[in-house]
Amino acid sequence: MKVHADPGTILDLIEAFRRSKAMFTAVRLGVFDKLEGEPRTSDQLATELKVNAGALRRLLNGCVGLRLLRRDGEEYHNTPAASRYLVSTSPDTLAGYIRYSDASLYVLWSHLDDAVREGTNRWAQTFGSRDGLFDHYFRDEAAAASFLGGMHGFGQISSRVIVRAFDLGRFHHLVDLGGATGHLAIAACEAYPNLQARVLDLAPVERFARPYIDASPVQDRVQFVPGDFFTQELPKGDLYALGRILHDWDEAKITGLLKKISQSLEPGGGLLIVESLLNEDQSGPVHTLMQDLNMLVCTDGRERTAAEYRDLLQAAGFSEVRFHRTGLPLDAILAIR
């Protein structure tokens, strides 16, 4: 006897990539940027973007169906969500992350089957080079700006919640390791008036980070420090942060880093970790499971459970480890030396 099963889930997954690619393409073509100034017809927009008018109209109608655009007669308008997250000049934009997803992740994921067969990332297969993720994204000015802008937009969705997940008021000197544009350090200084922060990242990152730091209301308390936290001595602080760093690397690499941080702290010092936590039975959340597959095709790392992080941190010399699930893409871990 056949058991009735709704095909809805399967059908939805079959076409899920189509919805993503429609949004990716509209962002890449500049649709939302153009429409933010004023509404336009498909013919007007096609002329400005130098694309086929009939094909563009079909893409615009698809974006209406996805609730990214609305149509008033023959004119198309951005929805509030598109204005906030898809327009490149918005302070909350995710356009950089979308371009990064379109140009790199979308292609890498097409080789997921080979990643599963071999258990290794797909950089050489996809881009013809064994250079890793960070070499690829810093290959030129445009790639670096797009990647760092994407990380900024995605990171700040959670940063303001992460820094309030635990009471960090007793700390005075934050060092954000690999802090990129400084969104976490900025959020922390906004939340804690007595906190001073330093963002440590590679020297080429500074020119991209500086506009974000200078535009923040706490610019006088956030300093950029060029450096490599894997190879150089760490600046002194009583609170270190690692935002989406540990999931990029295997256990051997992060074990050394965690021990280095622990040895740099005085007793009572802390480490704030920002990652997406897997359930202990690895049954979810779905976005973390998908991010785990993303790390498979992109890096040598993976997502981990709270218990796995606790074991790594205790082995590195941290005595107290606390976790906070935010309900957002990223969760918070606080470890005390």
Protein backbone atom coordinates (compact mmCIF):
# COMPACT_ATOMS: atom_id res chain seq x y z
CA MET A 1 0.00 0.00 0.00
CA LYS A 2 1.40 3.37 -1.02
CA VAL A 3 1.66 6.00 1.70
CA HIS A 4 0.46 9.42 0.55
CA ALA A 5 3.31 11.93 0.45
CA ASP A 6 2.97 15.55 -0.55
CA PRO A 7 5.46 16.35 -3.34
CA GLY A 8 5.51 20.02 -2.26
CA THR A 9 8.85 19.84 -0.43
CA ILE A 10 10.53 18.13 -3.38
CA LEU A 11 9.07 20.52 -5.93
CA ASP A 12 10.11 23.49 -3.83
CA LEU A 13 13.70 22.24 -3.65
CA ILE A 14 13.78 21.55 -7.39
CA GLU A 15 13.11 25.19 -8.15
CA ALA A 16 14.82 26.80 -5.14
CA PHE A 17 17.97 27.59 -7.12
CA ARG A 18 15.85 29.39 -9.71
CA ARG A 19 14.61 31.88 -7.13
CA SER A 20 18.15 32.50 -5.88
CA LYS A 21 19.54 32.96 -9.38
CA ALA A 22 16.76 35.41 -10.31
CA MET A 23 17.69 37.60 -7.33
CA PHE A 24 21.43 37.17 -7.97
CA THR A 25 21.01 38.25 -11.59
CA ALA A 26 18.88 41.28 -10.76
CA VAL A 27 21.49 42.43 -8.23
CA ARG A 28 24.36 41.81 -10.64
CA LEU A 29 22.66 43.76 -13.43
CA GLY A 30 21.97 46.69 -11.11
CA VAL A 31 18.17 46.48 -11.26
CA PHE A 32 17.56 47.46 -7.63
CA ASP A 33 20.15 50.25 -7.67
CA LYS A 34 18.48 51.83 -10.72
CA LEU A 35 14.96 51.53 -9.31
CA GLU A 36 15.92 53.05 -5.97
CA GLY A 37 16.26 56.46 -7.59
CA GLU A 38 12.85 56.37 -9.25
CA PRO A 39 10.46 53.78 -10.73
CA ARG A 40 10.96 52.81 -14.35
CA THR A 41 9.26 50.77 -17.04
CA SER A 42 10.97 47.65 -18.30
CA ASP A 43 11.80 49.42 -21.59
CA GLN A 44 13.40 52.37 -19.79
CA LEU A 45 15.38 50.08 -17.53
CA ALA A 46 16.47 47.87 -20.44
CA THR A 47 17.87 50.90 -22.25
CA GLU A 48 19.84 52.03 -19.19
CA LEU A 49 21.16 48.54 -18.42
CA LYS A 50 21.78 47.70 -22.10
CA VAL A 51 19.92 44.40 -21.99
CA ASN A 52 17.11 42.80 -23.99
CA ALA A 53 13.83 44.52 -23.07
CA GLY A 54 11.60 41.46 -23.37
CA ALA A 55 13.94 39.27 -21.35
CA LEU A 56 14.36 41.94 -18.69
CA ARG A 57 10.60 42.28 -18.33
CA ARG A 58 10.40 38.54 -17.60
CA LEU A 59 13.12 38.91 -14.94
CA LEU A 60 11.34 41.90 -13.41
CA ASN A 61 8.06 40.01 -13.30
CA GLY A 62 9.88 37.15 -11.61
CA CYS A 63 11.17 39.57 -8.98
CA VAL A 64 7.60 40.82 -8.48
CA GLY A 65 6.58 37.23 -7.81
CA LEU A 66 9.43 36.95 -5.32
CA ARG A 67 8.23 40.16 -3.59
CA LEU A 68 11.45 41.97 -4.37
CA LEU A 69 9.70 44.38 -6.71
CA ARG A 70 6.14 45.65 -7.11
CA ARG A 71 4.53 46.81 -10.33
CA ASP A 72 2.29 49.85 -10.65
CA GLY A 73 0.90 49.87 -14.18
CA GLU A 74 3.98 49.62 -16.38
CA GLU A 75 6.40 50.90 -13.75
CA TYR A 76 8.45 48.78 -11.38
CA HIS A 77 9.34 49.81 -7.81
CA ASN A 78 11.62 48.33 -5.16
CA THR A 79 9.88 46.76 -2.18
CA PRO A 80 11.06 47.88 1.29
CA ALA A 81 13.10 44.67 1.63
CA ALA A 82 14.86 45.32 -1.67
CA SER A 83 15.57 48.95 -0.75
CA ARG A 84 17.14 47.93 2.54
CA TYR A 85 19.06 44.79 1.60
CA LEU A 86 19.55 44.74 -2.20
CA VAL A 87 20.49 48.35 -3.01
CA SER A 88 24.27 48.64 -2.92
CA THR A 89 24.31 52.04 -1.18
CA SER A 90 22.09 50.96 1.72
CA PRO A 91 23.94 50.72 5.07
CA ASP A 92 22.34 47.29 5.56
CA THR A 93 22.98 46.02 2.04
CA LEU A 94 23.59 42.35 1.32
CA ALA A 95 24.39 43.08 -2.32
CA GLY A 96 28.08 42.30 -1.84
CA TYR A 97 27.28 38.96 -0.23
CA ILE A 98 24.89 38.20 -3.08
CA ARG A 99 27.53 38.98 -5.70
CA TYR A 100 30.00 36.79 -3.83
CA SER A 101 27.42 34.00 -3.67
CA ASP A 102 26.65 34.33 -7.37
CA ALA A 103 30.21 34.57 -8.66
CA SER A 104 31.81 31.99 -6.37
CA LEU A 105 29.53 29.90 -4.19
CA TYR A 106 27.02 29.15 -6.93
CA VAL A 107 29.79 27.70 -9.10
CA LEU A 108 31.52 25.87 -6.26
CA TRP A 109 28.26 24.20 -5.26
CA SER A 110 27.89 22.79 -8.78
CA HIS A 111 30.74 20.44 -7.78
CA LEU A 112 29.24 19.32 -4.47
CA ASP A 113 29.09 15.74 -5.71
CA ASP A 114 32.86 15.69 -6.22
CA ALA A 115 33.41 17.31 -2.81
CA VAL A 116 31.40 14.49 -1.23
CA ARG A 117 33.29 11.83 -3.21
CA GLU A 118 36.71 13.21 -2.28
CA GLY A 119 36.08 15.10 0.97
CA THR A 120 37.95 18.19 -0.20
CA ASN A 121 37.10 21.73 -1.27
CA ARG A 122 36.52 22.56 -4.93
CA TRP A 123 38.77 25.58 -5.50
CA ALA A 124 41.17 23.96 -7.96
CA GLN A 125 38.35 22.28 -9.87
CA THR A 126 36.26 25.46 -10.11
CA PHE A 127 38.83 28.21 -10.57
CA GLY A 128 41.82 26.32 -11.94
CA SER A 129 43.96 27.23 -8.95
CA ARG A 130 44.83 25.67 -5.64
CA ASP A 131 44.76 29.08 -3.98
CA GLY A 132 42.25 29.10 -1.17
CA LEU A 133 39.25 31.27 -0.49
CA PHE A 134 41.15 34.28 0.86
CA ASP A 135 43.76 34.35 -1.90
CA HIS A 136 40.92 34.26 -4.42
CA TYR A 137 39.00 37.12 -2.83
CA PHE A 138 42.03 39.34 -2.50
CA ARG A 139 43.23 38.76 -6.06
CA ASP A 140 42.32 42.35 -7.04
CA GLU A 141 40.70 45.51 -5.71
CA ALA A 142 37.20 44.79 -7.02
CA ALA A 143 37.14 41.23 -5.68
CA ALA A 144 38.35 42.35 -2.23
CA ALA A 145 35.80 45.18 -2.04
CA SER A 146 32.95 42.86 -3.03
CA PHE A 147 33.98 40.11 -0.62
CA LEU A 148 34.54 42.39 2.37
CA GLY A 149 31.37 44.34 1.65
CA GLY A 150 29.49 41.06 1.55
CA MET A 151 30.95 39.90 4.83
CA HIS A 152 30.08 43.27 6.38
CA GLY A 153 26.45 43.11 5.28
CA PHE A 154 25.98 39.52 6.37
CA GLY A 155 27.86 39.98 9.65
CA GLN A 156 26.02 43.02 10.88
CA ILE A 157 22.67 41.16 10.74
CA SER A 158 23.81 39.36 13.89
CA SER A 159 26.52 41.61 15.37
CA ARG A 160 24.28 43.85 17.48
CA VAL A 161 22.62 40.80 19.02
CA ILE A 162 25.86 38.85 19.46
CA VAL A 163 27.54 41.56 21.55
CA ARG A 164 24.54 41.64 23.88
CA ALA A 165 24.19 37.87 24.19
CA PHE A 166 26.39 38.04 27.31
CA ASP A 167 27.17 40.92 29.63
CA LEU A 168 30.56 42.10 28.37
CA GLY A 169 30.58 45.22 30.53
CA ARG A 170 33.52 44.06 32.67
CA PHE A 171 35.86 43.95 29.68
CA HIS A 172 37.76 47.04 28.58
CA HIS A 173 40.00 46.08 25.65
CA LEU A 174 38.54 44.05 22.78
CA VAL A 175 40.78 42.64 20.05
CA ASP A 176 38.72 41.41 17.09
CA LEU A 177 40.91 38.88 15.27
CA GLY A 178 40.19 38.81 11.55
CA GLY A 179 37.59 41.50 12.17
CA ALA A 180 37.55 42.73 8.54
CA THR A 181 35.40 45.88 8.31
CA GLY A 182 34.97 46.07 12.09
CA HIS A 183 31.20 45.51 12.27
CA LEU A 184 31.51 43.39 15.44
CA ALA A 185 33.93 45.80 17.14
CA ILE A 186 31.71 48.75 16.23
CA ALA A 187 28.61 47.02 17.61
CA ALA A 188 30.47 46.11 20.81
CA CYS A 189 31.66 49.69 21.38
CA GLU A 190 28.17 50.99 20.75
CA ALA A 191 26.80 48.58 23.37
CA TYR A 192 29.55 49.17 25.99
CA PRO A 193 30.68 52.81 26.43
CA ASN A 194 33.80 51.84 28.40
CA LEU A 195 35.11 49.47 25.74
CA GLN A 196 38.07 50.18 23.46
CA ALA A 197 38.47 47.95 20.40
CA ARG A 198 41.16 47.01 17.94
CA VAL A 199 40.42 45.23 14.68
CA LEU A 200 43.32 43.03 13.63
CA ASP A 201 43.35 41.91 10.02
CA LEU A 202 45.71 41.71 7.07
CA ALA A 203 47.20 45.02 5.93
CA PRO A 204 45.34 45.11 2.55
CA VAL A 205 42.02 45.02 4.44
CA GLU A 206 42.55 48.38 6.14
CA ARG A 207 41.65 50.56 3.16
CA PHE A 208 38.29 48.76 2.92
CA ALA A 209 37.64 48.78 6.66
CA ARG A 210 38.50 52.44 7.19
CA PRO A 211 35.31 53.92 5.63
CA TYR A 212 33.09 51.72 7.81
CA ILE A 213 35.02 52.56 10.99
CA ASP A 214 35.24 56.28 10.19
CA ALA A 215 31.49 56.45 9.52
CA SER A 216 30.59 54.84 12.85
CA PRO A 217 29.60 56.85 15.94
CA VAL A 218 32.38 55.11 17.91
CA GLN A 219 35.25 55.73 15.51
CA ASP A 220 37.37 57.23 18.30
CA ARG A 221 37.26 53.89 20.16
CA VAL A 222 37.92 51.53 17.23
CA GLN A 223 41.44 51.15 15.86
CA PHE A 224 42.58 49.04 12.90
CA VAL A 225 45.79 47.07 13.47
CA PRO A 226 47.39 45.29 10.47
CA GLY A 227 48.61 41.79 11.20
CA ASP A 228 48.24 38.03 10.82
CA PHE A 229 46.89 36.37 13.96
CA PHE A 230 48.25 32.98 12.93
CA THR A 231 51.86 34.09 12.62
CA GLN A 232 52.29 37.22 14.74
CA GLU A 233 52.09 38.02 18.44
CA LEU A 234 48.60 39.08 19.41
CA PRO A 235 47.88 42.61 20.67
CA LYS A 236 47.08 42.63 24.37
CA GLY A 237 43.44 42.66 25.40
CA ASP A 238 41.12 41.25 28.03
CA LEU A 239 38.57 40.11 25.44
CA TYR A 240 39.35 38.58 22.06
CA ALA A 241 36.79 37.90 19.33
CA LEU A 242 36.72 35.41 16.47
CA GLY A 243 33.84 36.10 14.11
CA ARG A 244 33.30 33.33 11.54
CA ILE A 245 36.96 32.35 11.70
CA LEU A 246 37.01 28.91 13.33
CA HIS A 247 34.67 27.29 10.81
CA ASP A 248 37.20 28.00 8.04
CA TRP A 249 39.86 25.64 9.39
CA ASP A 250 40.44 22.08 10.53
CA GLU A 251 40.99 21.05 14.16
CA ALA A 252 44.78 21.17 14.00
CA LYS A 253 44.78 24.77 12.78
CA ILE A 254 42.22 26.10 15.24
CA THR A 255 43.65 24.20 18.20
CA GLY A 256 46.88 26.13 17.82
CA LEU A 257 45.03 29.42 17.46
CA LEU A 258 42.86 28.84 20.54
CA LYS A 259 45.91 27.96 22.64
CA LYS A 260 47.67 31.10 21.43
CA ILE A 261 44.69 33.24 22.46
CA SER A 262 44.39 31.50 25.82
CA GLN A 263 48.07 32.10 26.56
CA SER A 264 47.66 35.79 25.63
CA LEU A 265 44.89 36.29 28.21
CA GLU A 266 45.15 36.91 31.91
CA PRO A 267 42.94 34.72 34.15
CA GLY A 268 39.37 35.98 33.81
CA GLY A 269 39.96 37.17 30.25
CA GLY A 270 37.45 36.19 27.62
CA LEU A 271 37.03 34.98 24.05
CA LEU A 272 33.85 35.80 22.14
CA ILE A 273 33.23 33.40 19.27
CA VAL A 274 30.67 34.02 16.54
CA GLU A 275 29.65 30.90 14.63
CA SER A 276 26.53 28.99 13.60
CA LEU A 277 25.94 26.14 16.06
CA LEU A 278 24.81 22.70 14.94
CA ASN A 279 22.33 20.81 17.11
CA GLU A 280 24.07 18.14 19.19
CA ASP A 281 22.51 15.35 17.08
CA GLN A 282 23.41 17.32 13.92
CA SER A 283 19.75 17.40 12.89
CA GLY A 284 19.71 21.14 12.28
CA PRO A 285 19.22 24.02 12.08
CA VAL A 286 18.82 23.70 8.33
CA HIS A 287 20.74 26.92 7.60
CA THR A 288 23.68 25.57 9.64
CA LEU A 289 23.59 22.23 7.85
CA MET A 290 23.67 24.06 4.52
CA GLN A 291 26.51 26.25 5.77
CA ASP A 292 28.37 23.09 6.74
CA LEU A 293 28.11 21.89 3.13
CA ASN A 294 29.22 25.35 2.04
CA MET A 295 32.37 24.96 4.12
CA LEU A 296 32.94 21.58 2.47
CA VAL A 297 33.07 23.07 -1.03
CA CYS A 298 34.88 26.28 0.04
CA THR A 299 37.36 25.50 2.80
CA ASP A 300 39.04 22.85 4.93
CA GLY A 301 36.68 23.66 7.80
CA ARG A 302 33.19 22.82 8.98
CA GLU A 303 30.42 23.84 11.35
CA ARG A 304 30.43 22.33 14.85
CA THR A 305 28.18 21.53 17.80
CA ALA A 306 28.37 23.30 21.16
CA ALA A 307 29.95 20.18 22.67
CA GLU A 308 32.67 20.16 20.01
CA TYR A 309 33.47 23.81 20.66
CA ARG A 310 33.50 23.20 24.42
CA ASP A 311 36.02 20.36 24.02
CA LEU A 312 38.29 22.50 21.81
CA LEU A 313 38.13 25.47 24.18
CA GLN A 314 38.70 23.47 27.35
CA ALA A 315 41.67 21.72 25.75
CA ALA A 316 43.08 25.18 24.96
CA GLY A 317 42.88 26.30 28.60
CA PHE A 318 39.45 27.93 28.91
CA SER A 319 37.60 26.95 32.08
CA GLU A 320 34.10 28.35 31.54
CA VAL A 321 32.27 28.10 28.22
CA ARG A 322 28.78 29.53 27.65
CA PHE A 323 26.56 29.41 24.57
CA HIS A 324 23.76 31.60 23.28
CA ARG A 325 21.60 30.67 20.29
CA THR A 326 20.33 33.90 18.76
CA GLY A 327 17.76 32.60 16.26
CA LEU A 328 19.74 34.51 13.62
CA PRO A 329 22.29 33.15 11.12
CA LEU A 330 25.05 33.36 13.76
CA ASP A 331 25.26 32.31 17.40
CA ALA A 332 27.51 33.37 20.29
CA ILE A 333 30.02 31.55 22.48
CA LEU A 334 31.82 33.14 25.45
CA ALA A 335 34.84 31.34 26.87
CA ILE A 336 36.65 32.53 30.00
CA ARG A 337 40.34 31.85 30.68
